Amino acid sequence: MIVAAYALVGIVAAIHVYILILEMFLWTTPRGRAAFGTTPDFATQSRTLAANQGLYNGFLAAGLIWGLLGRDPAVLTFFLACVIVAGLYGAATVSRRILYVQAAPAVLALILVLLS
């Protein structure tokens, strides 16, 4: 069970590294705009805000990686809970898709971590 838990936590961390890349470096590119459904003008105007969001997603990924490397269930629990809260808030305020991309994998990972 621990292997499955750590694998799923690794996937959640990878999702957040990908979000960091999209928001910090690819925000104004066609790929970044397609991922978030933005126009070229909006992407240009919101570039700094998106980079800031990307940085926060990077912190979530770093915390999850720290928990994996340290094999620390308390750290994993804390950062998975942070991901879940961020995903729920994003789903409520931005797009329901965030619930499935961000929150749901974190919930599954948290369940496995707690059961391990």
PDB file of N, CA and C in Angstrom:
ATOM      1  N   MET A   1       0.832  -1.200   0.000  1.00  0.00           N
ATOM      2  CA  MET A   1       0.000   0.000   0.000  1.00  0.00           C
ATOM      3  C   MET A   1       0.874   1.260   0.000  1.00  0.00           C
ATOM      4  N   ILE A   2       1.991   1.200   0.693  1.00  0.00           N
ATOM      5  CA  ILE A   2       2.858   2.381   0.778  1.00  0.00           C
ATOM      6  C   ILE A   2       3.429   2.743  -0.593  1.00  0.00           C
ATOM      7  N   VAL A   3       3.708   1.737  -1.398  1.00  0.00           N
ATOM      8  CA  VAL A   3       4.232   1.999  -2.741  1.00  0.00           C
ATOM      9  C   VAL A   3       3.188   2.734  -3.579  1.00  0.00           C
ATOM     10  N   ALA A   4       1.952   2.291  -3.501  1.00  0.00           N
ATOM     11  CA  ALA A   4       0.873   2.953  -4.243  1.00  0.00           C
ATOM     12  C   ALA A   4       0.668   4.376  -3.737  1.00  0.00           C
ATOM     13  N   ALA A   5       0.734   4.556  -2.415  1.00  0.00           N
ATOM     14  CA  ALA A   5       0.567   5.893  -1.835  1.00  0.00           C
ATOM     15  C   ALA A   5       1.664   6.826  -2.336  1.00  0.00           C
ATOM     16  N   TYR A   6       2.903   6.367  -2.275  1.00  0.00           N
ATOM     17  CA  TYR A   6       4.018   7.225  -2.694  1.00  0.00           C
ATOM     18  C   TYR A   6       3.975   7.495  -4.197  1.00  0.00           C
ATOM     19  N   ALA A   7       3.550   6.508  -4.970  1.00  0.00           N
ATOM     20  CA  ALA A   7       3.437   6.709  -6.420  1.00  0.00           C
ATOM     21  C   ALA A   7       2.392   7.782  -6.718  1.00  0.00           C
ATOM     22  N   LEU A   8       1.256   7.715  -6.033  1.00  0.00           N
ATOM     23  CA  LEU A   8       0.207   8.700  -6.276  1.00  0.00           C
ATOM     24  C   LEU A   8       0.626  10.088  -5.790  1.00  0.00           C
ATOM     25  N   VAL A   9       1.332  10.153  -4.662  1.00  0.00           N
ATOM     26  CA  VAL A   9       1.859  11.446  -4.207  1.00  0.00           C
ATOM     27  C   VAL A   9       2.831  11.989  -5.252  1.00  0.00           C
ATOM     28  N   GLY A  10       3.650  11.133  -5.828  1.00  0.00           N
ATOM     29  CA  GLY A  10       4.577  11.557  -6.875  1.00  0.00           C
ATOM     30  C   GLY A  10       3.846  12.112  -8.089  1.00  0.00           C
ATOM     31  N   ILE A  11       2.719  11.507  -8.435  1.00  0.00           N
ATOM     32  CA  ILE A  11       1.918  12.003  -9.558  1.00  0.00           C
ATOM     33  C   ILE A  11       1.346  13.373  -9.221  1.00  0.00           C
ATOM     34  N   VAL A  12       0.835  13.542  -7.999  1.00  0.00           N
ATOM     35  CA  VAL A  12       0.299  14.845  -7.585  1.00  0.00           C
ATOM     36  C   VAL A  12       1.407  15.901  -7.631  1.00  0.00           C
ATOM     37  N   ALA A  13       2.596  15.552  -7.153  1.00  0.00           N
ATOM     38  CA  ALA A  13       3.725  16.493  -7.213  1.00  0.00           C
ATOM     39  C   ALA A  13       4.055  16.840  -8.666  1.00  0.00           C
ATOM     40  N   ALA A  14       4.070  15.846  -9.533  1.00  0.00           N
ATOM     41  CA  ALA A  14       4.381  16.090 -10.949  1.00  0.00           C
ATOM     42  C   ALA A  14       3.331  16.996 -11.595  1.00  0.00           C
ATOM     43  N   ILE A  15       2.061  16.801 -11.249  1.00  0.00           N
ATOM     44  CA  ILE A  15       1.001  17.677 -11.763  1.00  0.00           C
ATOM     45  C   ILE A  15       1.303  19.125 -11.380  1.00  0.00           C
ATOM     46  N   HIS A  16       1.754  19.327 -10.153  1.00  0.00           N
ATOM     47  CA  HIS A  16       2.008  20.695  -9.689  1.00  0.00           C
ATOM     48  C   HIS A  16       3.280  21.293 -10.292  1.00  0.00           C
ATOM     49  N   VAL A  17       4.252  20.457 -10.585  1.00  0.00           N
ATOM     50  CA  VAL A  17       5.430  20.954 -11.318  1.00  0.00           C
ATOM     51  C   VAL A  17       4.994  21.382 -12.720  1.00  0.00           C
ATOM     52  N   TYR A  18       4.122  20.596 -13.343  1.00  0.00           N
ATOM     53  CA  TYR A  18       3.622  20.938 -14.672  1.00  0.00           C
ATOM     54  C   TYR A  18       2.826  22.243 -14.638  1.00  0.00           C
ATOM     55  N   ILE A  19       1.979  22.399 -13.614  1.00  0.00           N
ATOM     56  CA  ILE A  19       1.226  23.648 -13.482  1.00  0.00           C
ATOM     57  C   ILE A  19       2.186  24.824 -13.293  1.00  0.00           C
ATOM     58  N   LEU A  20       3.228  24.626 -12.485  1.00  0.00           N
ATOM     59  CA  LEU A  20       4.247  25.677 -12.304  1.00  0.00           C
ATOM     60  C   LEU A  20       4.829  26.080 -13.651  1.00  0.00           C
ATOM     61  N   ILE A  21       5.202  25.110 -14.457  1.00  0.00           N
ATOM     62  CA  ILE A  21       5.796  25.400 -15.766  1.00  0.00           C
ATOM     63  C   ILE A  21       4.810  26.157 -16.646  1.00  0.00           C
ATOM     64  N   LEU A  22       3.561  25.681 -16.670  1.00  0.00           N
ATOM     65  CA  LEU A  22       2.549  26.370 -17.480  1.00  0.00           C
ATOM     66  C   LEU A  22       2.355  27.815 -17.033  1.00  0.00           C
ATOM     67  N   GLU A  23       2.238  28.029 -15.721  1.00  0.00           N
ATOM     68  CA  GLU A  23       1.914  29.362 -15.217  1.00  0.00           C
ATOM     69  C   GLU A  23       3.118  30.304 -15.202  1.00  0.00           C
ATOM     70  N   MET A  24       4.295  29.783 -14.944  1.00  0.00           N
ATOM     71  CA  MET A  24       5.464  30.663 -14.838  1.00  0.00           C
ATOM     72  C   MET A  24       6.164  30.905 -16.176  1.00  0.00           C
ATOM     73  N   PHE A  25       6.169  29.895 -17.038  1.00  0.00           N
ATOM     74  CA  PHE A  25       6.986  29.995 -18.242  1.00  0.00           C
ATOM     75  C   PHE A  25       6.212  29.916 -19.557  1.00  0.00           C
ATOM     76  N   LEU A  26       5.055  29.291 -19.545  1.00  0.00           N
ATOM     77  CA  LEU A  26       4.316  29.083 -20.800  1.00  0.00           C
ATOM     78  C   LEU A  26       2.994  29.834 -20.844  1.00  0.00           C
ATOM     79  N   TRP A  27       2.733  30.694 -19.893  1.00  0.00           N
ATOM     80  CA  TRP A  27       1.446  31.364 -19.756  1.00  0.00           C
ATOM     81  C   TRP A  27       0.987  32.057 -21.039  1.00  0.00           C
ATOM     82  N   THR A  28       1.887  32.745 -21.720  1.00  0.00           N
ATOM     83  CA  THR A  28       1.491  33.517 -22.908  1.00  0.00           C
ATOM     84  C   THR A  28       1.653  32.730 -24.215  1.00  0.00           C
ATOM     85  N   THR A  29       2.129  31.500 -24.132  1.00  0.00           N
ATOM     86  CA  THR A  29       2.292  30.683 -25.336  1.00  0.00           C
ATOM     87  C   THR A  29       0.959  30.037 -25.707  1.00  0.00           C
ATOM     88  N   PRO A  30       0.845  29.549 -26.931  1.00  0.00           N
ATOM     89  CA  PRO A  30      -0.391  28.867 -27.310  1.00  0.00           C
ATOM     90  C   PRO A  30      -0.733  27.691 -26.369  1.00  0.00           C
ATOM     91  N   ARG A  31       0.270  26.943 -25.929  1.00  0.00           N
ATOM     92  CA  ARG A  31       0.023  25.811 -25.016  1.00  0.00           C
ATOM     93  C   ARG A  31      -0.518  26.308 -23.682  1.00  0.00           C
ATOM     94  N   GLY A  32       0.093  27.332 -23.128  1.00  0.00           N
ATOM     95  CA  GLY A  32      -0.367  27.881 -21.853  1.00  0.00           C
ATOM     96  C   GLY A  32      -1.764  28.474 -21.958  1.00  0.00           C
ATOM     97  N   ARG A  33      -2.001  29.203 -23.028  1.00  0.00           N
ATOM     98  CA  ARG A  33      -3.333  29.804 -23.212  1.00  0.00           C
ATOM     99  C   ARG A  33      -4.405  28.733 -23.407  1.00  0.00           C
ATOM    100  N   ALA A  34      -4.069  27.661 -24.121  1.00  0.00           N
ATOM    101  CA  ALA A  34      -5.036  26.578 -24.328  1.00  0.00           C
ATOM    102  C   ALA A  34      -5.341  25.861 -23.012  1.00  0.00           C
ATOM    103  N   ALA A  35      -4.331  25.670 -22.192  1.00  0.00           N
ATOM    104  CA  ALA A  35      -4.530  24.964 -20.923  1.00  0.00           C
ATOM    105  C   ALA A  35      -5.486  25.713 -20.006  1.00  0.00           C
ATOM    106  N   PHE A  36      -5.436  27.043 -20.061  1.00  0.00           N
ATOM    107  CA  PHE A  36      -6.242  27.843 -19.148  1.00  0.00           C
ATOM    108  C   PHE A  36      -7.369  28.608 -19.851  1.00  0.00           C
ATOM    109  N   GLY A  37      -7.474  28.452 -21.160  1.00  0.00           N
ATOM    110  CA  GLY A  37      -8.563  29.086 -21.902  1.00  0.00           C
ATOM    111  C   GLY A  37      -8.496  30.604 -21.899  1.00  0.00           C
ATOM    112  N   THR A  38      -7.290  31.150 -22.042  1.00  0.00           N
ATOM    113  CA  THR A  38      -7.136  32.604 -22.022  1.00  0.00           C
ATOM    114  C   THR A  38      -6.860  33.148 -23.424  1.00  0.00           C
ATOM    115  N   THR A  39      -7.119  34.420 -23.583  1.00  0.00           N
ATOM    116  CA  THR A  39      -6.816  35.106 -24.838  1.00  0.00           C
ATOM    117  C   THR A  39      -5.388  35.635 -24.777  1.00  0.00           C
ATOM    118  N   PRO A  40      -4.804  35.955 -25.931  1.00  0.00           N
ATOM    119  CA  PRO A  40      -3.460  36.534 -25.910  1.00  0.00           C
ATOM    120  C   PRO A  40      -3.387  37.814 -25.072  1.00  0.00           C
ATOM    121  N   ASP A  41      -4.387  38.681 -25.192  1.00  0.00           N
ATOM    122  CA  ASP A  41      -4.366  39.933 -24.420  1.00  0.00           C
ATOM    123  C   ASP A  41      -4.440  39.674 -22.922  1.00  0.00           C
ATOM    124  N   PHE A  42      -5.364  38.808 -22.510  1.00  0.00           N
ATOM    125  CA  PHE A  42      -5.487  38.505 -21.083  1.00  0.00           C
ATOM    126  C   PHE A  42      -4.208  37.862 -20.560  1.00  0.00           C
ATOM    127  N   ALA A  43      -3.633  36.942 -21.335  1.00  0.00           N
ATOM    128  CA  ALA A  43      -2.405  36.271 -20.908  1.00  0.00           C
ATOM    129  C   ALA A  43      -1.274  37.278 -20.711  1.00  0.00           C
ATOM    130  N   THR A  44      -1.156  38.215 -21.613  1.00  0.00           N
ATOM    131  CA  THR A  44      -0.112  39.236 -21.494  1.00  0.00           C
ATOM    132  C   THR A  44      -0.339  40.104 -20.254  1.00  0.00           C
ATOM    133  N   GLN A  45      -1.576  40.513 -20.047  1.00  0.00           N
ATOM    134  CA  GLN A  45      -1.888  41.390 -18.916  1.00  0.00           C
ATOM    135  C   GLN A  45      -1.769  40.678 -17.566  1.00  0.00           C
ATOM    136  N   SER A  46      -1.979  39.371 -17.541  1.00  0.00           N
ATOM    137  CA  SER A  46      -1.987  38.636 -16.274  1.00  0.00           C
ATOM    138  C   SER A  46      -0.729  37.798 -16.062  1.00  0.00           C
ATOM    139  N   ARG A  47       0.287  38.020 -16.867  1.00  0.00           N
ATOM    140  CA  ARG A  47       1.509  37.218 -16.807  1.00  0.00           C
ATOM    141  C   ARG A  47       2.136  37.193 -15.412  1.00  0.00           C
ATOM    142  N   THR A  48       2.243  38.331 -14.763  1.00  0.00           N
ATOM    143  CA  THR A  48       2.861  38.399 -13.438  1.00  0.00           C
ATOM    144  C   THR A  48       2.016  37.656 -12.406  1.00  0.00           C
ATOM    145  N   LEU A  49       0.713  37.827 -12.468  1.00  0.00           N
ATOM    146  CA  LEU A  49      -0.182  37.114 -11.554  1.00  0.00           C
ATOM    147  C   LEU A  49      -0.058  35.605 -11.750  1.00  0.00           C
ATOM    148  N   ALA A  50      -0.015  35.163 -12.986  1.00  0.00           N
ATOM    149  CA  ALA A  50       0.104  33.734 -13.270  1.00  0.00           C
ATOM    150  C   ALA A  50       1.436  33.183 -12.757  1.00  0.00           C
ATOM    151  N   ALA A  51       2.503  33.937 -12.917  1.00  0.00           N
ATOM    152  CA  ALA A  51       3.802  33.491 -12.412  1.00  0.00           C
ATOM    153  C   ALA A  51       3.765  33.337 -10.894  1.00  0.00           C
ATOM    154  N   ASN A  52       3.077  34.236 -10.236  1.00  0.00           N
ATOM    155  CA  ASN A  52       2.932  34.141  -8.780  1.00  0.00           C
ATOM    156  C   ASN A  52       2.163  32.868  -8.407  1.00  0.00           C
ATOM    157  N   GLN A  53       1.088  32.590  -9.109  1.00  0.00           N
ATOM    158  CA  GLN A  53       0.329  31.356  -8.879  1.00  0.00           C
ATOM    159  C   GLN A  53       1.199  30.133  -9.128  1.00  0.00           C
ATOM    160  N   GLY A  54       1.998  30.193 -10.176  1.00  0.00           N
ATOM    161  CA  GLY A  54       2.892  29.087 -10.487  1.00  0.00           C
ATOM    162  C   GLY A  54       3.883  28.832  -9.376  1.00  0.00           C
ATOM    163  N   LEU A  55       4.379  29.900  -8.785  1.00  0.00           N
ATOM    164  CA  LEU A  55       5.314  29.762  -7.674  1.00  0.00           C
ATOM    165  C   LEU A  55       4.666  29.025  -6.512  1.00  0.00           C
ATOM    166  N   TYR A  56       3.420  29.367  -6.190  1.00  0.00           N
ATOM    167  CA  TYR A  56       2.705  28.673  -5.116  1.00  0.00           C
ATOM    168  C   TYR A  56       2.510  27.190  -5.441  1.00  0.00           C
ATOM    169  N   ASN A  57       2.207  26.889  -6.689  1.00  0.00           N
ATOM    170  CA  ASN A  57       2.092  25.484  -7.074  1.00  0.00           C
ATOM    171  C   ASN A  57       3.431  24.768  -6.940  1.00  0.00           C
ATOM    172  N   GLY A  58       4.500  25.494  -7.211  1.00  0.00           N
ATOM    173  CA  GLY A  58       5.834  24.925  -7.011  1.00  0.00           C
ATOM    174  C   GLY A  58       6.105  24.608  -5.545  1.00  0.00           C
ATOM    175  N   PHE A  59       5.634  25.472  -4.649  1.00  0.00           N
ATOM    176  CA  PHE A  59       5.802  25.202  -3.216  1.00  0.00           C
ATOM    177  C   PHE A  59       5.036  23.941  -2.813  1.00  0.00           C
ATOM    178  N   LEU A  60       3.847  23.756  -3.369  1.00  0.00           N
ATOM    179  CA  LEU A  60       3.094  22.536  -3.082  1.00  0.00           C
ATOM    180  C   LEU A  60       3.870  21.306  -3.562  1.00  0.00           C
ATOM    181  N   ALA A  61       4.406  21.375  -4.764  1.00  0.00           N
ATOM    182  CA  ALA A  61       5.193  20.256  -5.292  1.00  0.00           C
ATOM    183  C   ALA A  61       6.427  20.018  -4.433  1.00  0.00           C
ATOM    184  N   ALA A  62       7.112  21.086  -4.030  1.00  0.00           N
ATOM    185  CA  ALA A  62       8.320  20.944  -3.210  1.00  0.00           C
ATOM    186  C   ALA A  62       7.994  20.279  -1.877  1.00  0.00           C
ATOM    187  N   GLY A  63       6.884  20.667  -1.269  1.00  0.00           N
ATOM    188  CA  GLY A  63       6.494  20.051  -0.008  1.00  0.00           C
ATOM    189  C   GLY A  63       6.203  18.567  -0.162  1.00  0.00           C
ATOM    190  N   LEU A  64       5.525  18.216  -1.237  1.00  0.00           N
ATOM    191  CA  LEU A  64       5.229  16.802  -1.482  1.00  0.00           C
ATOM    192  C   LEU A  64       6.504  16.002  -1.739  1.00  0.00           C
ATOM    193  N   ILE A  65       7.417  16.581  -2.496  1.00  0.00           N
ATOM    194  CA  ILE A  65       8.694  15.909  -2.765  1.00  0.00           C
ATOM    195  C   ILE A  65       9.499  15.766  -1.473  1.00  0.00           C
ATOM    196  N   TRP A  66       9.497  16.804  -0.646  1.00  0.00           N
ATOM    197  CA  TRP A  66      10.163  16.750   0.656  1.00  0.00           C
ATOM    198  C   TRP A  66       9.582  15.607   1.499  1.00  0.00           C
ATOM    199  N   GLY A  67       8.266  15.507   1.534  1.00  0.00           N
ATOM    200  CA  GLY A  67       7.623  14.431   2.282  1.00  0.00           C
ATOM    201  C   GLY A  67       7.961  13.057   1.739  1.00  0.00           C
ATOM    202  N   LEU A  68       8.051  12.943   0.414  1.00  0.00           N
ATOM    203  CA  LEU A  68       8.427  11.664  -0.194  1.00  0.00           C
ATOM    204  C   LEU A  68       9.865  11.294   0.143  1.00  0.00           C
ATOM    205  N   LEU A  69      10.773  12.235  -0.007  1.00  0.00           N
ATOM    206  CA  LEU A  69      12.183  11.957   0.256  1.00  0.00           C
ATOM    207  C   LEU A  69      12.431  11.626   1.726  1.00  0.00           C
ATOM    208  N   GLY A  70      11.706  12.296   2.598  1.00  0.00           N
ATOM    209  CA  GLY A  70      11.849  12.042   4.025  1.00  0.00           C
ATOM    210  C   GLY A  70      10.971  10.920   4.532  1.00  0.00           C
ATOM    211  N   ARG A  71      10.143  10.379   3.629  1.00  0.00           N
ATOM    212  CA  ARG A  71       9.192   9.324   4.006  1.00  0.00           C
ATOM    213  C   ARG A  71       8.432   9.710   5.270  1.00  0.00           C
ATOM    214  N   ASP A  72       7.918  10.929   5.227  1.00  0.00           N
ATOM    215  CA  ASP A  72       7.259  11.512   6.395  1.00  0.00           C
ATOM    216  C   ASP A  72       5.762  11.666   6.140  1.00  0.00           C
ATOM    217  N   PRO A  73       4.943  10.787   6.728  1.00  0.00           N
ATOM    218  CA  PRO A  73       3.507  10.868   6.492  1.00  0.00           C
ATOM    219  C   PRO A  73       2.884  12.175   6.983  1.00  0.00           C
ATOM    220  N   ALA A  74       3.427  12.781   8.029  1.00  0.00           N
ATOM    221  CA  ALA A  74       2.873  14.048   8.528  1.00  0.00           C
ATOM    222  C   ALA A  74       3.066  15.159   7.505  1.00  0.00           C
ATOM    223  N   VAL A  75       4.234  15.227   6.896  1.00  0.00           N
ATOM    224  CA  VAL A  75       4.504  16.237   5.869  1.00  0.00           C
ATOM    225  C   VAL A  75       3.620  15.981   4.657  1.00  0.00           C
ATOM    226  N   LEU A  76       3.513  14.720   4.253  1.00  0.00           N
ATOM    227  CA  LEU A  76       2.665  14.385   3.106  1.00  0.00           C
ATOM    228  C   LEU A  76       1.210  14.745   3.387  1.00  0.00           C
ATOM    229  N   THR A  77       0.752  14.447   4.584  1.00  0.00           N
ATOM    230  CA  THR A  77      -0.628  14.764   4.950  1.00  0.00           C
ATOM    231  C   THR A  77      -0.872  16.264   4.882  1.00  0.00           C
ATOM    232  N   PHE A  78       0.047  17.045   5.438  1.00  0.00           N
ATOM    233  CA  PHE A  78      -0.111  18.499   5.427  1.00  0.00           C
ATOM    234  C   PHE A  78      -0.174  19.040   3.999  1.00  0.00           C
ATOM    235  N   PHE A  79       0.787  18.655   3.159  1.00  0.00           N
ATOM    236  CA  PHE A  79       0.821  19.218   1.812  1.00  0.00           C
ATOM    237  C   PHE A  79      -0.298  18.681   0.926  1.00  0.00           C
ATOM    238  N   LEU A  80      -0.704  17.439   1.122  1.00  0.00           N
ATOM    239  CA  LEU A  80      -1.864  16.940   0.372  1.00  0.00           C
ATOM    240  C   LEU A  80      -3.120  17.688   0.792  1.00  0.00           C
ATOM    241  N   ALA A  81      -3.251  17.981   2.080  1.00  0.00           N
ATOM    242  CA  ALA A  81      -4.396  18.775   2.538  1.00  0.00           C
ATOM    243  C   ALA A  81      -4.373  20.166   1.905  1.00  0.00           C
ATOM    244  N   CYS A  82      -3.189  20.761   1.793  1.00  0.00           N
ATOM    245  CA  CYS A  82      -3.067  22.067   1.137  1.00  0.00           C
ATOM    246  C   CYS A  82      -3.504  21.984  -0.323  1.00  0.00           C
ATOM    247  N   VAL A  83      -3.091  20.937  -1.006  1.00  0.00           N
ATOM    248  CA  VAL A  83      -3.490  20.749  -2.407  1.00  0.00           C
ATOM    249  C   VAL A  83      -5.008  20.591  -2.503  1.00  0.00           C
ATOM    250  N   ILE A  84      -5.587  19.834  -1.595  1.00  0.00           N
ATOM    251  CA  ILE A  84      -7.033  19.618  -1.618  1.00  0.00           C
ATOM    252  C   ILE A  84      -7.774  20.933  -1.407  1.00  0.00           C
ATOM    253  N   VAL A  85      -7.353  21.716  -0.426  1.00  0.00           N
ATOM    254  CA  VAL A  85      -8.000  23.010  -0.172  1.00  0.00           C
ATOM    255  C   VAL A  85      -7.862  23.916  -1.397  1.00  0.00           C
ATOM    256  N   ALA A  86      -6.661  23.985  -1.964  1.00  0.00           N
ATOM    257  CA  ALA A  86      -6.457  24.807  -3.162  1.00  0.00           C
ATOM    258  C   ALA A  86      -7.338  24.321  -4.313  1.00  0.00           C
ATOM    259  N   GLY A  87      -7.443  23.011  -4.467  1.00  0.00           N
ATOM    260  CA  GLY A  87      -8.265  22.456  -5.534  1.00  0.00           C
ATOM    261  C   GLY A  87      -9.746  22.733  -5.333  1.00  0.00           C
ATOM    262  N   LEU A  88     -10.209  22.619  -4.100  1.00  0.00           N
ATOM    263  CA  LEU A  88     -11.621  22.919  -3.822  1.00  0.00           C
ATOM    264  C   LEU A  88     -11.928  24.394  -4.057  1.00  0.00           C
ATOM    265  N   TYR A  89     -11.028  25.256  -3.601  1.00  0.00           N
ATOM    266  CA  TYR A  89     -11.229  26.687  -3.809  1.00  0.00           C
ATOM    267  C   TYR A  89     -11.204  27.032  -5.302  1.00  0.00           C
ATOM    268  N   GLY A  90     -10.248  26.471  -6.015  1.00  0.00           N
ATOM    269  CA  GLY A  90     -10.165  26.707  -7.450  1.00  0.00           C
ATOM    270  C   GLY A  90     -11.388  26.199  -8.191  1.00  0.00           C
ATOM    271  N   ALA A  91     -11.896  25.032  -7.778  1.00  0.00           N
ATOM    272  CA  ALA A  91     -13.093  24.478  -8.418  1.00  0.00           C
ATOM    273  C   ALA A  91     -14.314  25.352  -8.156  1.00  0.00           C
ATOM    274  N   ALA A  92     -14.361  25.942  -6.962  1.00  0.00           N
ATOM    275  CA  ALA A  92     -15.508  26.787  -6.611  1.00  0.00           C
ATOM    276  C   ALA A  92     -15.439  28.163  -7.256  1.00  0.00           C
ATOM    277  N   THR A  93     -14.240  28.658  -7.522  1.00  0.00           N
ATOM    278  CA  THR A  93     -14.105  30.040  -7.982  1.00  0.00           C
ATOM    279  C   THR A  93     -13.635  30.197  -9.426  1.00  0.00           C
ATOM    280  N   VAL A  94     -13.009  29.177  -9.979  1.00  0.00           N
ATOM    281  CA  VAL A  94     -12.434  29.320 -11.323  1.00  0.00           C
ATOM    282  C   VAL A  94     -13.023  28.323 -12.313  1.00  0.00           C
ATOM    283  N   SER A  95     -12.826  27.043 -12.053  1.00  0.00           N
ATOM    284  CA  SER A  95     -13.278  26.016 -12.992  1.00  0.00           C
ATOM    285  C   SER A  95     -13.477  24.695 -12.260  1.00  0.00           C
ATOM    286  N   ARG A  96     -14.589  24.043 -12.518  1.00  0.00           N
ATOM    287  CA  ARG A  96     -14.857  22.736 -11.906  1.00  0.00           C
ATOM    288  C   ARG A  96     -13.793  21.713 -12.298  1.00  0.00           C
ATOM    289  N   ARG A  97     -13.159  21.920 -13.420  1.00  0.00           N
ATOM    290  CA  ARG A  97     -12.101  21.014 -13.894  1.00  0.00           C
ATOM    291  C   ARG A  97     -10.980  20.863 -12.868  1.00  0.00           C
ATOM    292  N   ILE A  98     -10.719  21.918 -12.098  1.00  0.00           N
ATOM    293  CA  ILE A  98      -9.658  21.882 -11.084  1.00  0.00           C
ATOM    294  C   ILE A  98      -9.953  20.814 -10.037  1.00  0.00           C
ATOM    295  N   LEU A  99     -11.211  20.562  -9.787  1.00  0.00           N
ATOM    296  CA  LEU A  99     -11.601  19.526  -8.826  1.00  0.00           C
ATOM    297  C   LEU A  99     -11.047  18.167  -9.255  1.00  0.00           C
ATOM    298  N   TYR A 100     -11.099  17.888 -10.552  1.00  0.00           N
ATOM    299  CA  TYR A 100     -10.667  16.589 -11.060  1.00  0.00           C
ATOM    300  C   TYR A 100      -9.165  16.522 -11.310  1.00  0.00           C
ATOM    301  N   VAL A 101      -8.580  17.633 -11.708  1.00  0.00           N
ATOM    302  CA  VAL A 101      -7.148  17.646 -12.030  1.00  0.00           C
ATOM    303  C   VAL A 101      -6.289  17.767 -10.773  1.00  0.00           C
ATOM    304  N   GLN A 102      -6.743  18.540  -9.808  1.00  0.00           N
ATOM    305  CA  GLN A 102      -5.919  18.864  -8.648  1.00  0.00           C
ATOM    306  C   GLN A 102      -6.419  18.182  -7.377  1.00  0.00           C
ATOM    307  N   ALA A 103      -7.676  18.377  -7.031  1.00  0.00           N
ATOM    308  CA  ALA A 103      -8.178  17.905  -5.732  1.00  0.00           C
ATOM    309  C   ALA A 103      -8.374  16.387  -5.686  1.00  0.00           C
ATOM    310  N   ALA A 104      -8.995  15.817  -6.691  1.00  0.00           N
ATOM    311  CA  ALA A 104      -9.304  14.383  -6.655  1.00  0.00           C
ATOM    312  C   ALA A 104      -8.058  13.506  -6.520  1.00  0.00           C
ATOM    313  N   PRO A 105      -7.008  13.726  -7.310  1.00  0.00           N
ATOM    314  CA  PRO A 105      -5.807  12.903  -7.115  1.00  0.00           C
ATOM    315  C   PRO A 105      -5.200  13.083  -5.718  1.00  0.00           C
ATOM    316  N   ALA A 106      -5.269  14.301  -5.191  1.00  0.00           N
ATOM    317  CA  ALA A 106      -4.734  14.536  -3.853  1.00  0.00           C
ATOM    318  C   ALA A 106      -5.557  13.820  -2.787  1.00  0.00           C
ATOM    319  N   VAL A 107      -6.876  13.788  -2.953  1.00  0.00           N
ATOM    320  CA  VAL A 107      -7.732  13.062  -2.006  1.00  0.00           C
ATOM    321  C   VAL A 107      -7.377  11.569  -2.024  1.00  0.00           C
ATOM    322  N   LEU A 108      -7.243  11.011  -3.212  1.00  0.00           N
ATOM    323  CA  LEU A 108      -6.875   9.593  -3.311  1.00  0.00           C
ATOM    324  C   LEU A 108      -5.508   9.329  -2.684  1.00  0.00           C
ATOM    325  N   ALA A 109      -4.551  10.207  -2.952  1.00  0.00           N
ATOM    326  CA  ALA A 109      -3.225  10.057  -2.367  1.00  0.00           C
ATOM    327  C   ALA A 109      -3.284  10.151  -0.845  1.00  0.00           C
ATOM    328  N   LEU A 110      -4.055  11.097  -0.335  1.00  0.00           N
ATOM    329  CA  LEU A 110      -4.179  11.263   1.114  1.00  0.00           C
ATOM    330  C   LEU A 110      -4.789  10.015   1.750  1.00  0.00           C
ATOM    331  N   ILE A 111      -5.810   9.466   1.136  1.00  0.00           N
ATOM    332  CA  ILE A 111      -6.409   8.230   1.668  1.00  0.00           C
ATOM    333  C   ILE A 111      -5.377   7.123   1.748  1.00  0.00           C
ATOM    334  N   LEU A 112      -4.603   6.966   0.680  1.00  0.00           N
ATOM    335  CA  LEU A 112      -3.577   5.899   0.675  1.00  0.00           C
ATOM    336  C   LEU A 112      -2.491   6.157   1.703  1.00  0.00           C
ATOM    337  N   VAL A 113      -2.080   7.419   1.853  1.00  0.00           N
ATOM    338  CA  VAL A 113      -1.063   7.754   2.855  1.00  0.00           C
ATOM    339  C   VAL A 113      -1.591   7.425   4.257  1.00  0.00           C
ATOM    340  N   LEU A 114      -2.821   7.794   4.524  1.00  0.00           N
ATOM    341  CA  LEU A 114      -3.399   7.565   5.857  1.00  0.00           C
ATOM    342  C   LEU A 114      -3.605   6.068   6.140  1.00  0.00           C
ATOM    343  N   LEU A 115      -3.849   5.296   5.102  1.00  0.00           N
ATOM    344  CA  LEU A 115      -4.037   3.856   5.279  1.00  0.00           C
ATOM    345  C   LEU A 115      -2.734   3.083   5.343  1.00  0.00           C
ATOM    346  N   SER A 116      -1.647   3.730   4.977  1.00  0.00           N
ATOM    347  CA  SER A 116      -0.339   3.036   4.936  1.00  0.00           C
ATOM    348  C   SER A 116       0.319   2.979   6.292  1.00  0.00           C
TER     349      SER A 116
END
